[in-house]
Amino acid sequence: MSFERIAVVGMGLLGGSVAGAARARGLAKRVVGVSRGRDTAAAAKAAGLVDEGTADLAAGVAGAGLVVLCTPVFAMAETLKRAAPHLAPGALVTDVGSVKGTLVETLPGLLPPGAHYVGAHPMAGSHLTGLRHASKDLFEGAACVLTPTPTTPPAAVASVKRFWAALGARLYERDPAQHDAEVAWVSHLPHAVAFAYAESLAAAPAGAFSLRGAGFRDFTRIAASDPELWADILATNAKALSGPLAHAAGALARLSRAIEAGDVEALHRFLVAASEALAAANGDARSGGRAGNFVAREATPKE
């Protein structure tokens, strides 16, 4: 597949990686990176991630057959509202937002006639942020969830599927509510728990940190993620996240009671159940089968 022009709006880790991957794979004759700052736009071009970098949103999206929104979720609607008058007839819009319900409800109504939005969420990234960490191989083998609606034109869905597949992603389809419920468990809850643990470290004895090992580093890695970005994600997906948070809080309370009681048998049962649940989850992730109570549907791009 090839577009005359792809515009990637937002030159952070994900935006830089989308642009670099698209350019490296020849998915457009010209890949344009749009950033709020001229320095970042120039850096993206200097790094070979884009053919053109600009801080002018209107000029950046003009003539693009595909626009990829890589801003934080809270900024996407306003960004698209400003870009919409400058979109080419028939332009496609996709994104990398990790909460889809609000975007699917809002973004299509901001588009001019003939332009179409197909929501996407590549499950790739890092606690590291910024353009300097971008990688053209970031999406190789990563799951990417597409969230078309019954009113999304099939041709638009097929084109966006081909785009993400060409970046190396494994494609899945979910309706927006199902997507938000599932990522609440596998992405948003782990971040929330890691942040909560990190916040509690203020109460730890100072000498404890000289004893840090691999377990500490593994568990706290995602707590180093961008606070502004994750405050937005957690608040936006609050409804879907409330249930997982309650389950996790209940599990921690049961574990605490068993520890305080010195009940070794109860602790063993708890840890075995946790181990079995994790093994089942990892097996499901490898097979692309069940995730929680939802059945995965792998989406094969239509040629």
Protein backbone atom coordinates (compact mmCIF):
# COMPACT_ATOMS: atom_id res chain seq x y z
CA MET A 1 0.00 0.00 0.00
CA SER A 2 1.12 3.58 -0.50
CA PHE A 3 -0.30 7.02 0.21
CA GLU A 4 0.86 10.14 -1.55
CA ARG A 5 1.22 11.79 1.85
CA ILE A 6 0.90 10.67 5.48
CA ALA A 7 0.75 13.26 8.27
CA VAL A 8 1.63 12.18 11.80
CA VAL A 9 0.46 14.72 14.37
CA GLY A 10 2.47 14.59 17.57
CA MET A 11 6.18 13.78 17.52
CA GLY A 12 6.68 11.93 20.77
CA LEU A 13 7.66 8.30 21.22
CA LEU A 14 4.62 6.89 19.41
CA GLY A 15 4.34 9.59 16.77
CA GLY A 16 8.01 9.44 15.91
CA SER A 17 7.83 5.65 15.75
CA VAL A 18 4.73 5.69 13.49
CA ALA A 19 6.36 8.19 11.15
CA GLY A 20 9.71 6.37 11.09
CA ALA A 21 8.08 2.99 10.50
CA ALA A 22 5.88 4.32 7.70
CA ARG A 23 8.82 6.03 6.00
CA ALA A 24 11.14 3.03 6.36
CA ARG A 25 8.50 0.75 4.84
CA GLY A 26 7.69 3.07 1.95
CA LEU A 27 4.03 3.54 2.89
CA ALA A 28 3.91 7.06 1.50
CA LYS A 29 5.75 9.17 -1.02
CA ARG A 30 6.05 11.79 1.71
CA VAL A 31 5.76 11.40 5.49
CA VAL A 32 5.16 14.64 7.36
CA GLY A 33 5.65 15.06 11.09
CA VAL A 34 3.64 17.75 12.85
CA SER A 35 4.81 18.98 16.24
CA ARG A 36 3.92 21.87 18.50
CA GLY A 37 7.57 22.95 18.53
CA ARG A 38 9.78 23.75 15.55
CA ASP A 39 12.79 22.19 17.28
CA THR A 40 11.04 18.83 17.64
CA ALA A 41 9.85 18.96 14.04
CA ALA A 42 13.40 19.69 12.89
CA ALA A 43 14.78 16.89 15.08
CA ALA A 44 12.34 14.39 13.54
CA LYS A 45 13.59 15.30 10.07
CA ALA A 46 17.24 15.23 11.16
CA ALA A 47 16.70 11.74 12.60
CA GLY A 48 15.31 10.51 9.28
CA LEU A 49 11.89 9.76 10.74
CA VAL A 50 10.04 12.11 8.39
CA ASP A 51 10.51 13.71 5.01
CA GLU A 52 9.22 17.00 6.33
CA GLY A 53 8.76 18.41 9.82
CA THR A 54 6.51 21.34 10.64
CA ALA A 55 4.87 23.12 13.54
CA ASP A 56 2.05 24.29 11.24
CA LEU A 57 -0.86 21.88 11.71
CA ALA A 58 -2.84 23.15 8.73
CA ALA A 59 0.12 22.87 6.35
CA GLY A 60 1.11 19.50 7.78
CA VAL A 61 -2.22 17.75 7.20
CA ALA A 62 -3.02 19.45 3.87
CA GLY A 63 -3.13 16.91 1.09
CA ALA A 64 -2.57 13.92 3.39
CA GLY A 65 -4.45 10.74 2.50
CA LEU A 66 -3.89 9.47 6.04
CA VAL A 67 -3.59 11.48 9.25
CA VAL A 68 -2.40 9.69 12.40
CA LEU A 69 -3.19 11.46 15.67
CA CYS A 70 -0.44 10.79 18.20
CA THR A 71 -1.23 13.48 20.75
CA PRO A 72 -2.46 12.69 24.27
CA VAL A 73 -6.12 11.57 24.33
CA PHE A 74 -7.30 14.79 25.97
CA ALA A 75 -5.84 16.86 23.10
CA MET A 76 -7.11 14.82 20.15
CA ALA A 77 -10.53 16.41 19.72
CA GLU A 78 -9.21 19.98 19.72
CA THR A 79 -6.35 18.98 17.41
CA LEU A 80 -8.70 17.36 14.92
CA LYS A 81 -11.11 20.29 15.14
CA ARG A 82 -8.31 22.63 14.06
CA ALA A 83 -7.05 20.25 11.38
CA ALA A 84 -10.45 19.37 9.88
CA PRO A 85 -10.86 22.38 7.55
CA HIS A 86 -7.54 21.53 5.92
CA LEU A 87 -8.08 17.80 5.34
CA ALA A 88 -8.03 16.44 1.81
CA PRO A 89 -11.29 15.06 0.36
CA GLY A 90 -11.58 11.41 1.37
CA ALA A 91 -8.84 11.65 3.99
CA LEU A 92 -8.59 8.87 6.56
CA VAL A 93 -7.88 9.60 10.23
CA THR A 94 -6.61 7.08 12.75
CA ASP A 95 -4.93 7.47 16.13
CA VAL A 96 -2.96 5.80 18.92
CA GLY A 97 -5.26 6.68 21.84
CA SER A 98 -5.45 4.14 24.64
CA VAL A 99 -9.08 4.97 25.55
CA LYS A 100 -11.46 4.60 22.63
CA GLY A 101 -15.02 5.24 23.85
CA THR A 102 -14.74 9.00 24.10
CA LEU A 103 -12.77 9.28 20.86
CA VAL A 104 -15.19 7.20 18.80
CA GLU A 105 -18.07 9.30 20.13
CA THR A 106 -16.37 12.63 19.43
CA LEU A 107 -13.91 12.53 16.53
CA PRO A 108 -16.14 11.43 13.60
CA GLY A 109 -18.42 14.41 14.14
CA LEU A 110 -15.48 16.79 13.73
CA LEU A 111 -14.61 15.56 10.24
CA PRO A 112 -15.68 17.17 6.97
CA PRO A 113 -17.89 15.17 4.57
CA GLY A 114 -15.98 12.37 2.87
CA ALA A 115 -13.33 12.00 5.57
CA HIS A 116 -13.48 9.00 7.91
CA TYR A 117 -12.09 8.05 11.31
CA VAL A 118 -11.02 4.52 12.24
CA GLY A 119 -9.90 4.25 15.85
CA ALA A 120 -6.73 2.33 16.65
CA HIS A 121 -4.68 1.54 19.72
CA PRO A 122 -1.25 0.00 19.15
CA MET A 123 -0.28 -1.81 22.35
CA ALA A 124 3.31 -0.67 22.11
CA GLY A 125 5.34 1.93 23.86
CA SER A 126 7.52 2.41 26.89
CA HIS A 127 7.82 4.27 30.15
CA LEU A 128 10.37 6.31 28.22
CA THR A 129 8.98 9.34 26.47
CA GLY A 130 9.94 11.72 23.73
CA LEU A 131 11.10 11.64 20.15
CA ARG A 132 14.62 10.52 21.05
CA HIS A 133 13.25 7.11 22.05
CA ALA A 134 11.28 6.58 18.82
CA SER A 135 11.92 3.35 16.91
CA LYS A 136 10.82 2.34 13.43
CA ASP A 137 10.46 -1.24 14.72
CA LEU A 138 8.31 -0.39 17.74
CA PHE A 139 5.17 -2.02 16.31
CA GLU A 140 6.74 -5.26 15.08
CA GLY A 141 4.71 -8.07 16.62
CA ALA A 142 2.71 -5.70 18.83
CA ALA A 143 -1.06 -6.02 19.16
CA CYS A 144 -3.00 -3.18 17.57
CA VAL A 145 -6.70 -2.88 18.37
CA LEU A 146 -9.01 -1.33 15.79
CA THR A 147 -12.40 0.02 16.89
CA PRO A 148 -14.57 0.63 13.82
CA THR A 149 -18.30 1.11 14.28
CA PRO A 150 -21.16 -0.28 12.18
CA THR A 151 -21.27 3.03 10.31
CA THR A 152 -17.57 3.10 9.43
CA PRO A 153 -17.17 2.48 5.66
CA PRO A 154 -15.59 -0.94 5.04
CA ALA A 155 -13.10 0.54 2.57
CA ALA A 156 -11.84 2.96 5.22
CA VAL A 157 -11.48 0.13 7.75
CA ALA A 158 -9.61 -2.02 5.23
CA SER A 159 -7.16 0.77 4.40
CA VAL A 160 -6.39 1.49 8.04
CA LYS A 161 -5.97 -2.24 8.72
CA ARG A 162 -3.44 -2.48 5.92
CA PHE A 163 -1.55 0.50 7.29
CA TRP A 164 -1.11 -0.90 10.80
CA ALA A 165 -0.37 -4.39 9.47
CA ALA A 166 2.33 -2.90 7.24
CA LEU A 167 3.97 -1.46 10.37
CA GLY A 168 4.27 -5.02 11.67
CA ALA A 169 1.35 -5.06 14.11
CA ARG A 170 -1.00 -7.95 14.89
CA LEU A 171 -4.53 -6.71 14.36
CA TYR A 172 -7.58 -7.18 16.55
CA GLU A 173 -11.05 -5.66 16.39
CA ARG A 174 -13.12 -4.56 19.37
CA ASP A 175 -16.08 -2.30 19.81
CA PRO A 176 -14.97 0.79 21.79
CA ALA A 177 -16.55 -0.23 25.11
CA GLN A 178 -15.07 -3.71 24.91
CA HIS A 179 -11.65 -2.26 24.12
CA ASP A 180 -11.80 0.07 27.12
CA ALA A 181 -12.89 -2.75 29.43
CA GLU A 182 -10.07 -5.03 28.31
CA VAL A 183 -7.24 -2.50 28.39
CA ALA A 184 -8.41 -1.45 31.85
CA TRP A 185 -7.27 -4.90 33.00
CA VAL A 186 -4.09 -5.41 30.98
CA SER A 187 -2.71 -1.86 30.80
CA HIS A 188 -4.43 0.72 32.95
CA LEU A 189 -4.77 -1.31 36.18
CA PRO A 190 -1.07 -2.37 36.17
CA HIS A 191 -0.06 1.27 35.79
CA ALA A 192 -2.42 2.37 38.56
CA VAL A 193 -1.07 -0.28 40.96
CA ALA A 194 2.54 0.57 40.10
CA PHE A 195 1.88 4.28 40.65
CA ALA A 196 0.19 3.52 43.99
CA TYR A 197 3.16 1.46 45.16
CA ALA A 198 5.61 4.14 44.02
CA GLU A 199 3.64 6.81 45.90
CA SER A 200 3.77 4.69 49.06
CA LEU A 201 7.58 4.59 48.91
CA ALA A 202 7.64 7.97 50.67
CA ALA A 203 6.96 5.98 53.86
CA ALA A 204 9.83 3.50 53.33
CA PRO A 205 12.99 3.71 55.44
CA ALA A 206 15.69 5.56 53.50
CA GLY A 207 18.15 2.69 53.79
CA ALA A 208 15.81 0.35 51.92
CA PHE A 209 16.62 1.86 48.54
CA SER A 210 20.26 0.77 48.68
CA LEU A 211 18.92 -2.80 48.58
CA ARG A 212 16.99 -2.40 45.31
CA GLY A 213 17.13 -5.43 43.04
CA ALA A 214 15.61 -6.76 39.85
CA GLY A 215 12.18 -7.29 41.41
CA PHE A 216 11.96 -3.65 42.46
CA ARG A 217 13.09 -2.45 39.03
CA ASP A 218 10.67 -4.74 37.17
CA PHE A 219 7.68 -3.76 39.28
CA THR A 220 8.30 -0.02 39.30
CA ARG A 221 9.39 0.47 35.67
CA ILE A 222 5.98 1.61 34.43
CA ALA A 223 5.55 3.92 37.42
CA ALA A 224 8.19 6.09 35.74
CA SER A 225 5.71 6.80 32.91
CA ASP A 226 4.61 10.34 32.11
CA PRO A 227 2.30 11.52 34.96
CA GLU A 228 0.37 14.01 32.79
CA LEU A 229 -0.32 11.41 30.13
CA TRP A 230 -1.39 8.73 32.60
CA ALA A 231 -3.55 11.03 34.68
CA ASP A 232 -5.48 11.70 31.47
CA ILE A 233 -5.73 8.01 30.56
CA LEU A 234 -6.86 6.85 34.00
CA ALA A 235 -9.44 9.61 34.37
CA THR A 236 -10.79 9.12 30.85
CA ASN A 237 -11.26 5.39 31.38
CA ALA A 238 -12.58 5.72 34.93
CA LYS A 239 -15.83 3.85 34.30
CA ALA A 240 -14.17 0.75 32.85
CA LEU A 241 -11.36 0.89 35.40
CA SER A 242 -13.53 1.00 38.51
CA GLY A 243 -14.29 -2.74 38.46
CA PRO A 244 -10.68 -3.91 38.01
CA LEU A 245 -9.56 -1.51 40.75
CA ALA A 246 -12.17 -2.95 43.12
CA HIS A 247 -11.08 -6.53 42.33
CA ALA A 248 -7.42 -5.66 42.89
CA ALA A 249 -8.22 -3.86 46.15
CA GLY A 250 -10.21 -6.86 47.32
CA ALA A 251 -7.38 -9.24 46.49
CA LEU A 252 -4.88 -7.06 48.34
CA ALA A 253 -7.19 -6.95 51.35
CA ARG A 254 -7.51 -10.75 51.40
CA LEU A 255 -3.75 -11.12 51.10
CA SER A 256 -3.22 -8.62 53.93
CA ARG A 257 -5.61 -10.51 56.22
CA ALA A 258 -3.85 -13.80 55.57
CA ILE A 259 -0.44 -12.24 56.24
CA GLU A 260 -1.59 -10.56 59.45
CA ALA A 261 -3.12 -13.84 60.65
CA GLY A 262 0.04 -15.77 59.82
CA ASP A 263 -2.18 -18.21 57.90
CA VAL A 264 0.35 -20.06 55.76
CA GLU A 265 -2.28 -22.31 54.18
CA ALA A 266 -4.41 -19.34 53.12
CA LEU A 267 -1.33 -17.60 51.76
CA HIS A 268 -0.37 -20.68 49.79
CA ARG A 269 -3.85 -20.97 48.31
CA PHE A 270 -3.81 -17.28 47.37
CA LEU A 271 -0.39 -17.47 45.71
CA VAL A 272 -1.25 -20.66 43.83
CA ALA A 273 -4.46 -19.09 42.55
CA ALA A 274 -2.51 -16.00 41.50
CA SER A 275 0.08 -18.11 39.71
CA GLU A 276 -2.59 -20.10 37.87
CA ALA A 277 -4.47 -16.96 36.84
CA LEU A 278 -1.28 -15.42 35.49
CA ALA A 279 -0.36 -18.58 33.59
CA ALA A 280 -3.83 -18.67 32.03
CA ALA A 281 -3.59 -14.99 31.07
CA ASN A 282 -0.19 -15.47 29.45
CA GLY A 283 -1.40 -18.51 27.58
CA ASP A 284 -4.39 -16.55 26.27
CA ALA A 285 -2.16 -13.66 25.21
CA ARG A 286 0.07 -16.00 23.19
CA SER A 287 -2.84 -17.71 21.49
CA GLY A 288 -4.93 -14.58 20.85
CA GLY A 289 -7.85 -16.35 22.51
CA ARG A 290 -9.85 -15.31 25.53
CA ALA A 291 -9.02 -12.19 27.51
CA GLY A 292 -11.09 -11.86 30.67
CA ASN A 293 -14.69 -12.49 29.65
CA PHE A 294 -14.20 -11.27 26.09
CA VAL A 295 -13.39 -13.34 23.03
CA ALA A 296 -10.67 -11.90 20.84
CA ARG A 297 -11.28 -11.51 17.13
CA GLU A 298 -8.12 -11.25 15.10
CA ALA A 299 -8.66 -9.02 12.09
CA THR A 300 -7.00 -9.95 8.83
CA PRO A 301 -6.52 -7.01 6.45
CA LYS A 302 -8.56 -7.41 3.28
CA GLU A 303 -6.57 -7.02 0.12
